[in-house]
């Protein structure tokens, strides 16, 4: 059947959660918690947390995460509650 899916390389699995980086403007990305489902080939089903048509970073998620933390070292970890 039809399912919303993204490239598996776009999904960052941290053990207890899955995150994708969603493009909100030209070259502007924000992290989004998602619920990942089945993996089929090079794609991962997204059960919730993402809408059809939203653009995600297919690669470089770890780099985006690292850069985000380095640019705001004193900012609270917005994902801490989800760990």
PDB file of N, CA and C in Angstrom:
ATOM      1  N   UNK A   1       0.818  -1.193   0.000  1.00  0.00           N
ATOM      2  CA  UNK A   1       0.000   0.000   0.000  1.00  0.00           C
ATOM      3  C   UNK A   1       0.858   1.250   0.000  1.00  0.00           C
ATOM      4  N   UNK A   2       0.202   2.356   0.015  1.00  0.00           N
ATOM      5  CA  UNK A   2       0.872   3.656   0.030  1.00  0.00           C
ATOM      6  C   UNK A   2       1.249   4.022   1.462  1.00  0.00           C
ATOM      7  N   UNK A   3       2.445   4.543   1.623  1.00  0.00           N
ATOM      8  CA  UNK A   3       2.912   4.982   2.937  1.00  0.00           C
ATOM      9  C   UNK A   3       3.841   6.169   2.753  1.00  0.00           C
ATOM     10  N   UNK A   4       3.837   7.066   3.730  1.00  0.00           N
ATOM     11  CA  UNK A   4       4.792   8.175   3.725  1.00  0.00           C
ATOM     12  C   UNK A   4       6.151   7.593   4.087  1.00  0.00           C
ATOM     13  N   UNK A   5       7.144   7.879   3.272  1.00  0.00           N
ATOM     14  CA  UNK A   5       8.477   7.349   3.553  1.00  0.00           C
ATOM     15  C   UNK A   5       9.526   8.377   3.178  1.00  0.00           C
ATOM     16  N   UNK A   6      10.696   8.219   3.785  1.00  0.00           N
ATOM     17  CA  UNK A   6      11.842   9.077   3.521  1.00  0.00           C
ATOM     18  C   UNK A   6      13.053   8.181   3.303  1.00  0.00           C
ATOM     19  N   UNK A   7      14.102   8.712   2.685  1.00  0.00           N
ATOM     20  CA  UNK A   7      15.320   7.901   2.582  1.00  0.00           C
ATOM     21  C   UNK A   7      15.784   7.496   3.988  1.00  0.00           C
ATOM     22  N   UNK A   8      16.181   6.273   4.130  1.00  0.00           N
ATOM     23  CA  UNK A   8      16.645   5.778   5.431  1.00  0.00           C
ATOM     24  C   UNK A   8      17.787   6.629   5.963  1.00  0.00           C
ATOM     25  N   UNK A   9      18.603   7.185   5.070  1.00  0.00           N
ATOM     26  CA  UNK A   9      19.716   8.029   5.499  1.00  0.00           C
ATOM     27  C   UNK A   9      19.247   9.324   6.158  1.00  0.00           C
ATOM     28  N   UNK A  10      17.972   9.692   5.990  1.00  0.00           N
ATOM     29  CA  UNK A  10      17.433  10.918   6.587  1.00  0.00           C
ATOM     30  C   UNK A  10      17.034  10.723   8.050  1.00  0.00           C
ATOM     31  N   UNK A  11      16.916   9.486   8.494  1.00  0.00           N
ATOM     32  CA  UNK A  11      16.421   9.194   9.840  1.00  0.00           C
ATOM     33  C   UNK A  11      17.596   8.979  10.791  1.00  0.00           C
ATOM     34  N   UNK A  12      17.646   9.813  11.839  1.00  0.00           N
ATOM     35  CA  UNK A  12      18.659   9.652  12.879  1.00  0.00           C
ATOM     36  C   UNK A  12      18.031   8.867  14.021  1.00  0.00           C
ATOM     37  N   UNK A  13      18.565   7.696  14.273  1.00  0.00           N
ATOM     38  CA  UNK A  13      18.064   6.876  15.378  1.00  0.00           C
ATOM     39  C   UNK A  13      18.983   7.060  16.564  1.00  0.00           C
ATOM     40  N   UNK A  14      18.420   7.507  17.680  1.00  0.00           N
ATOM     41  CA  UNK A  14      19.236   7.773  18.863  1.00  0.00           C
ATOM     42  C   UNK A  14      19.003   6.744  19.957  1.00  0.00           C
ATOM     43  N   UNK A  15      18.377   5.657  19.635  1.00  0.00           N
ATOM     44  CA  UNK A  15      18.088   4.630  20.628  1.00  0.00           C
ATOM     45  C   UNK A  15      16.635   4.657  21.048  1.00  0.00           C
ATOM     46  N   UNK A  16      16.206   5.776  21.632  1.00  0.00           N
ATOM     47  CA  UNK A  16      14.826   5.870  22.097  1.00  0.00           C
ATOM     48  C   UNK A  16      13.946   6.739  21.215  1.00  0.00           C
ATOM     49  N   UNK A  17      14.535   7.394  20.236  1.00  0.00           N
ATOM     50  CA  UNK A  17      13.743   8.265  19.368  1.00  0.00           C
ATOM     51  C   UNK A  17      14.342   8.301  17.974  1.00  0.00           C
ATOM     52  N   UNK A  18      13.534   8.796  17.041  1.00  0.00           N
ATOM     53  CA  UNK A  18      13.973   8.975  15.664  1.00  0.00           C
ATOM     54  C   UNK A  18      13.740  10.433  15.301  1.00  0.00           C
ATOM     55  N   UNK A  19      14.706  11.028  14.611  1.00  0.00           N
ATOM     56  CA  UNK A  19      14.644  12.442  14.247  1.00  0.00           C
ATOM     57  C   UNK A  19      14.949  12.583  12.767  1.00  0.00           C
ATOM     58  N   UNK A  20      14.212  13.479  12.109  1.00  0.00           N
ATOM     59  CA  UNK A  20      14.568  13.902  10.758  1.00  0.00           C
ATOM     60  C   UNK A  20      14.730  15.412  10.797  1.00  0.00           C
ATOM     61  N   UNK A  21      15.538  15.952   9.905  1.00  0.00           N
ATOM     62  CA  UNK A  21      15.735  17.398   9.797  1.00  0.00           C
ATOM     63  C   UNK A  21      14.847  17.893   8.669  1.00  0.00           C
ATOM     64  N   UNK A  22      13.879  18.749   9.010  1.00  0.00           N
ATOM     65  CA  UNK A  22      12.892  19.252   8.062  1.00  0.00           C
ATOM     66  C   UNK A  22      13.302  20.646   7.596  1.00  0.00           C
ATOM     67  N   UNK A  23      13.257  20.866   6.291  1.00  0.00           N
ATOM     68  CA  UNK A  23      13.599  22.172   5.735  1.00  0.00           C
ATOM     69  C   UNK A  23      12.411  23.124   5.917  1.00  0.00           C
ATOM     70  N   UNK A  24      12.643  24.233   6.621  1.00  0.00           N
ATOM     71  CA  UNK A  24      11.593  25.222   6.868  1.00  0.00           C
ATOM     72  C   UNK A  24      11.765  26.472   6.018  1.00  0.00           C
ATOM     73  N   UNK A  25      12.896  26.580   5.347  1.00  0.00           N
ATOM     74  CA  UNK A  25      13.205  27.697   4.460  1.00  0.00           C
ATOM     75  C   UNK A  25      14.432  27.311   3.674  1.00  0.00           C
ATOM     76  N   UNK A  26      14.835  28.150   2.737  1.00  0.00           N
ATOM     77  CA  UNK A  26      16.033  27.813   1.954  1.00  0.00           C
ATOM     78  C   UNK A  26      17.253  27.582   2.862  1.00  0.00           C
ATOM     79  N   UNK A  27      17.730  26.358   2.886  1.00  0.00           N
ATOM     80  CA  UNK A  27      18.888  25.961   3.686  1.00  0.00           C
ATOM     81  C   UNK A  27      18.692  26.181   5.185  1.00  0.00           C
ATOM     82  N   UNK A  28      17.450  26.146   5.645  1.00  0.00           N
ATOM     83  CA  UNK A  28      17.133  26.249   7.076  1.00  0.00           C
ATOM     84  C   UNK A  28      16.419  24.960   7.470  1.00  0.00           C
ATOM     85  N   UNK A  29      17.000  24.252   8.441  1.00  0.00           N
ATOM     86  CA  UNK A  29      16.459  22.961   8.861  1.00  0.00           C
ATOM     87  C   UNK A  29      16.203  22.955  10.364  1.00  0.00           C
ATOM     88  N   UNK A  30      15.131  22.277  10.767  1.00  0.00           N
ATOM     89  CA  UNK A  30      14.822  22.103  12.181  1.00  0.00           C
ATOM     90  C   UNK A  30      14.630  20.611  12.446  1.00  0.00           C
ATOM     91  N   UNK A  31      15.028  20.152  13.646  1.00  0.00           N
ATOM     92  CA  UNK A  31      14.848  18.730  13.959  1.00  0.00           C
ATOM     93  C   UNK A  31      13.381  18.434  14.251  1.00  0.00           C
ATOM     94  N   UNK A  32      12.925  17.266  13.867  1.00  0.00           N
ATOM     95  CA  UNK A  32      11.556  16.857  14.119  1.00  0.00           C
ATOM     96  C   UNK A  32      11.553  15.409  14.587  1.00  0.00           C
ATOM     97  N   UNK A  33      10.969  15.165  15.744  1.00  0.00           N
ATOM     98  CA  UNK A  33      10.800  13.792  16.215  1.00  0.00           C
ATOM     99  C   UNK A  33       9.745  13.114  15.361  1.00  0.00           C
ATOM    100  N   UNK A  34      10.025  11.890  14.948  1.00  0.00           N
ATOM    101  CA  UNK A  34       9.085  11.115  14.142  1.00  0.00           C
ATOM    102  C   UNK A  34       8.982   9.711  14.718  1.00  0.00           C
ATOM    103  N   UNK A  35       7.935   9.017  14.303  1.00  0.00           N
ATOM    104  CA  UNK A  35       7.805   7.598  14.622  1.00  0.00           C
ATOM    105  C   UNK A  35       8.083   6.843  13.332  1.00  0.00           C
ATOM    106  N   UNK A  36       9.174   6.095  13.337  1.00  0.00           N
ATOM    107  CA  UNK A  36       9.583   5.340  12.155  1.00  0.00           C
ATOM    108  C   UNK A  36       8.922   3.975  12.161  1.00  0.00           C
ATOM    109  N   UNK A  37       8.614   3.507  10.969  1.00  0.00           N
ATOM    110  CA  UNK A  37       7.998   2.194  10.821  1.00  0.00           C
ATOM    111  C   UNK A  37       8.917   1.252  10.078  1.00  0.00           C
ATOM    112  N   UNK A  38       8.345   0.554   9.127  1.00  0.00           N
ATOM    113  CA  UNK A  38       9.069  -0.467   8.382  1.00  0.00           C
ATOM    114  C   UNK A  38      10.142   0.143   7.489  1.00  0.00           C
ATOM    115  N   UNK A  39      11.223  -0.609   7.336  1.00  0.00           N
ATOM    116  CA  UNK A  39      12.292  -0.229   6.416  1.00  0.00           C
ATOM    117  C   UNK A  39      12.183  -1.140   5.203  1.00  0.00           C
ATOM    118  N   UNK A  40      12.156  -0.527   4.024  1.00  0.00           N
ATOM    119  CA  UNK A  40      12.044  -1.297   2.790  1.00  0.00           C
ATOM    120  C   UNK A  40      13.075  -0.768   1.805  1.00  0.00           C
ATOM    121  N   UNK A  41      14.110  -1.538   1.603  1.00  0.00           N
ATOM    122  CA  UNK A  41      15.164  -1.091   0.707  1.00  0.00           C
ATOM    123  C   UNK A  41      15.852   0.139   1.267  1.00  0.00           C
ATOM    124  N   UNK A  42      15.841   1.213   0.513  1.00  0.00           N
ATOM    125  CA  UNK A  42      16.522   2.443   0.918  1.00  0.00           C
ATOM    126  C   UNK A  42      15.579   3.437   1.592  1.00  0.00           C
ATOM    127  N   UNK A  43      14.348   3.029   1.889  1.00  0.00           N
ATOM    128  CA  UNK A  43      13.366   3.944   2.459  1.00  0.00           C
ATOM    129  C   UNK A  43      12.823   3.445   3.782  1.00  0.00           C
ATOM    130  N   UNK A  44      12.481   4.413   4.654  1.00  0.00           N
ATOM    131  CA  UNK A  44      11.884   4.116   5.955  1.00  0.00           C
ATOM    132  C   UNK A  44      10.511   4.760   6.020  1.00  0.00           C
ATOM    133  N   UNK A  45       9.527   3.986   6.421  1.00  0.00           N
ATOM    134  CA  UNK A  45       8.167   4.491   6.593  1.00  0.00           C
ATOM    135  C   UNK A  45       8.135   5.444   7.782  1.00  0.00           C
ATOM    136  N   UNK A  46       7.403   6.538   7.648  1.00  0.00           N
ATOM    137  CA  UNK A  46       7.193   7.472   8.750  1.00  0.00           C
ATOM    138  C   UNK A  46       5.730   7.377   9.149  1.00  0.00           C
ATOM    139  N   UNK A  47       5.487   6.893  10.352  1.00  0.00           N
ATOM    140  CA  UNK A  47       4.124   6.682  10.836  1.00  0.00           C
ATOM    141  C   UNK A  47       3.499   7.989  11.305  1.00  0.00           C
ATOM    142  N   UNK A  48       4.289   8.810  12.002  1.00  0.00           N
ATOM    143  CA  UNK A  48       3.778  10.108  12.442  1.00  0.00           C
ATOM    144  C   UNK A  48       4.939  11.072  12.650  1.00  0.00           C
ATOM    145  N   UNK A  49       4.593  12.364  12.669  1.00  0.00           N
ATOM    146  CA  UNK A  49       5.589  13.394  12.911  1.00  0.00           C
ATOM    147  C   UNK A  49       6.015  14.159  11.673  1.00  0.00           C
ATOM    148  N   UNK A  50       5.538  13.737  10.501  1.00  0.00           N
ATOM    149  CA  UNK A  50       5.916  14.365   9.245  1.00  0.00           C
ATOM    150  C   UNK A  50       4.700  14.340   8.325  1.00  0.00           C
ATOM    151  N   UNK A  51       4.549  15.408   7.547  1.00  0.00           N
ATOM    152  CA  UNK A  51       3.439  15.475   6.595  1.00  0.00           C
ATOM    153  C   UNK A  51       3.962  15.281   5.172  1.00  0.00           C
ATOM    154  N   UNK A  52       3.127  14.718   4.328  1.00  0.00           N
ATOM    155  CA  UNK A  52       3.482  14.546   2.920  1.00  0.00           C
ATOM    156  C   UNK A  52       3.836  15.901   2.330  1.00  0.00           C
ATOM    157  N   UNK A  53       4.900  15.944   1.565  1.00  0.00           N
ATOM    158  CA  UNK A  53       5.328  17.168   0.915  1.00  0.00           C
ATOM    159  C   UNK A  53       6.406  17.934   1.663  1.00  0.00           C
ATOM    160  N   UNK A  54       6.595  17.637   2.959  1.00  0.00           N
ATOM    161  CA  UNK A  54       7.671  18.313   3.691  1.00  0.00           C
ATOM    162  C   UNK A  54       9.004  17.767   3.203  1.00  0.00           C
ATOM    163  N   UNK A  55       9.969  18.668   3.065  1.00  0.00           N
ATOM    164  CA  UNK A  55      11.287  18.291   2.586  1.00  0.00           C
ATOM    165  C   UNK A  55      12.198  17.992   3.772  1.00  0.00           C
ATOM    166  N   UNK A  56      12.962  16.918   3.675  1.00  0.00           N
ATOM    167  CA  UNK A  56      13.887  16.546   4.740  1.00  0.00           C
ATOM    168  C   UNK A  56      15.303  16.465   4.182  1.00  0.00           C
ATOM    169  N   UNK A  57      16.275  16.618   5.065  1.00  0.00           N
ATOM    170  CA  UNK A  57      17.678  16.439   4.677  1.00  0.00           C
ATOM    171  C   UNK A  57      17.920  14.946   4.533  1.00  0.00           C
ATOM    172  N   UNK A  58      18.237  14.508   3.323  1.00  0.00           N
ATOM    173  CA  UNK A  58      18.435  13.081   3.072  1.00  0.00           C
ATOM    174  C   UNK A  58      19.742  12.581   3.663  1.00  0.00           C
ATOM    175  N   UNK A  59      20.737  13.465   3.770  1.00  0.00           N
ATOM    176  CA  UNK A  59      22.018  13.101   4.360  1.00  0.00           C
ATOM    177  C   UNK A  59      22.488  14.264   5.220  1.00  0.00           C
ATOM    178  N   UNK A  60      23.457  14.017   6.069  1.00  0.00           N
ATOM    179  CA  UNK A  60      24.050  15.089   6.862  1.00  0.00           C
ATOM    180  C   UNK A  60      23.342  15.394   8.162  1.00  0.00           C
ATOM    181  N   UNK A  61      22.416  14.555   8.576  1.00  0.00           N
ATOM    182  CA  UNK A  61      21.679  14.795   9.812  1.00  0.00           C
ATOM    183  C   UNK A  61      22.576  14.901  11.029  1.00  0.00           C
ATOM    184  N   UNK A  62      23.585  14.056  11.117  1.00  0.00           N
ATOM    185  CA  UNK A  62      24.499  14.119  12.265  1.00  0.00           C
ATOM    186  C   UNK A  62      25.269  15.435  12.249  1.00  0.00           C
ATOM    187  N   UNK A  63      25.663  15.889  11.073  1.00  0.00           N
ATOM    188  CA  UNK A  63      26.360  17.157  10.950  1.00  0.00           C
ATOM    189  C   UNK A  63      25.449  18.318  11.351  1.00  0.00           C
ATOM    190  N   UNK A  64      24.204  18.303  10.880  1.00  0.00           N
ATOM    191  CA  UNK A  64      23.254  19.349  11.267  1.00  0.00           C
ATOM    192  C   UNK A  64      23.057  19.367  12.777  1.00  0.00           C
ATOM    193  N   UNK A  65      22.935  18.193  13.375  1.00  0.00           N
ATOM    194  CA  UNK A  65      22.748  18.095  14.823  1.00  0.00           C
ATOM    195  C   UNK A  65      23.956  18.652  15.561  1.00  0.00           C
ATOM    196  N   UNK A  66      25.147  18.291  15.111  1.00  0.00           N
ATOM    197  CA  UNK A  66      26.371  18.776  15.752  1.00  0.00           C
ATOM    198  C   UNK A  66      26.503  20.286  15.618  1.00  0.00           C
ATOM    199  N   UNK A  67      26.270  20.803  14.418  1.00  0.00           N
ATOM    200  CA  UNK A  67      26.358  22.242  14.186  1.00  0.00           C
ATOM    201  C   UNK A  67      25.334  22.990  15.029  1.00  0.00           C
ATOM    202  N   UNK A  68      24.157  22.425  15.156  1.00  0.00           N
ATOM    203  CA  UNK A  68      23.103  23.054  15.952  1.00  0.00           C
ATOM    204  C   UNK A  68      23.530  23.178  17.405  1.00  0.00           C
ATOM    205  N   UNK A  69      24.128  22.149  17.928  1.00  0.00           N
ATOM    206  CA  UNK A  69      24.573  22.165  19.330  1.00  0.00           C
ATOM    207  C   UNK A  69      25.769  23.089  19.530  1.00  0.00           C
ATOM    208  N   UNK A  70      26.676  23.148  18.547  1.00  0.00           N
ATOM    209  CA  UNK A  70      27.851  24.011  18.659  1.00  0.00           C
ATOM    210  C   UNK A  70      27.486  25.490  18.576  1.00  0.00           C
ATOM    211  N   UNK A  71      26.490  25.820  17.756  1.00  0.00           N
ATOM    212  CA  UNK A  71      26.119  27.222  17.589  1.00  0.00           C
ATOM    213  C   UNK A  71      25.344  27.773  18.775  1.00  0.00           C
ATOM    214  N   UNK A  72      24.783  26.879  19.604  1.00  0.00           N
ATOM    215  CA  UNK A  72      24.033  27.303  20.783  1.00  0.00           C
ATOM    216  C   UNK A  72      24.415  26.411  21.965  1.00  0.00           C
ATOM    217  N   UNK A  73      25.655  26.517  22.456  1.00  0.00           N
ATOM    218  CA  UNK A  73      26.122  25.585  23.488  1.00  0.00           C
ATOM    219  C   UNK A  73      25.362  25.673  24.808  1.00  0.00           C
ATOM    220  N   UNK A  74      24.771  26.811  25.132  1.00  0.00           N
ATOM    221  CA  UNK A  74      24.057  26.954  26.394  1.00  0.00           C
ATOM    222  C   UNK A  74      22.555  26.772  26.254  1.00  0.00           C
ATOM    223  N   UNK A  75      22.091  26.495  25.041  1.00  0.00           N
ATOM    224  CA  UNK A  75      20.660  26.304  24.820  1.00  0.00           C
ATOM    225  C   UNK A  75      20.229  24.973  25.418  1.00  0.00           C
ATOM    226  N   UNK A  76      19.018  24.929  25.978  1.00  0.00           N
ATOM    227  CA  UNK A  76      18.537  23.652  26.511  1.00  0.00           C
ATOM    228  C   UNK A  76      18.369  22.638  25.389  1.00  0.00           C
ATOM    229  N   UNK A  77      18.584  21.383  25.696  1.00  0.00           N
ATOM    230  CA  UNK A  77      18.429  20.319  24.725  1.00  0.00           C
ATOM    231  C   UNK A  77      16.941  20.072  24.516  1.00  0.00           C
ATOM    232  N   UNK A  78      16.410  20.492  23.379  1.00  0.00           N
ATOM    233  CA  UNK A  78      14.984  20.376  23.136  1.00  0.00           C
ATOM    234  C   UNK A  78      14.521  18.937  23.020  1.00  0.00           C
ATOM    235  N   UNK A  79      15.444  18.001  22.887  1.00  0.00           N
ATOM    236  CA  UNK A  79      15.089  16.599  22.777  1.00  0.00           C
ATOM    237  C   UNK A  79      15.313  15.827  24.083  1.00  0.00           C
ATOM    238  N   UNK A  80      15.779  16.502  25.116  1.00  0.00           N
ATOM    239  CA  UNK A  80      16.121  15.804  26.371  1.00  0.00           C
ATOM    240  C   UNK A  80      14.920  15.041  26.935  1.00  0.00           C
ATOM    241  N   UNK A  81      13.750  15.599  26.827  1.00  0.00           N
ATOM    242  CA  UNK A  81      12.562  14.951  27.376  1.00  0.00           C
ATOM    243  C   UNK A  81      12.203  13.688  26.612  1.00  0.00           C
ATOM    244  N   UNK A  82      12.740  13.519  25.418  1.00  0.00           N
ATOM    245  CA  UNK A  82      12.393  12.382  24.581  1.00  0.00           C
ATOM    246  C   UNK A  82      13.449  11.276  24.624  1.00  0.00           C
ATOM    247  N   UNK A  83      14.467  11.442  25.446  1.00  0.00           N
ATOM    248  CA  UNK A  83      15.553  10.451  25.479  1.00  0.00           C
ATOM    249  C   UNK A  83      15.225   9.306  26.385  1.00  0.00           C
TER     250      UNK A  83
END
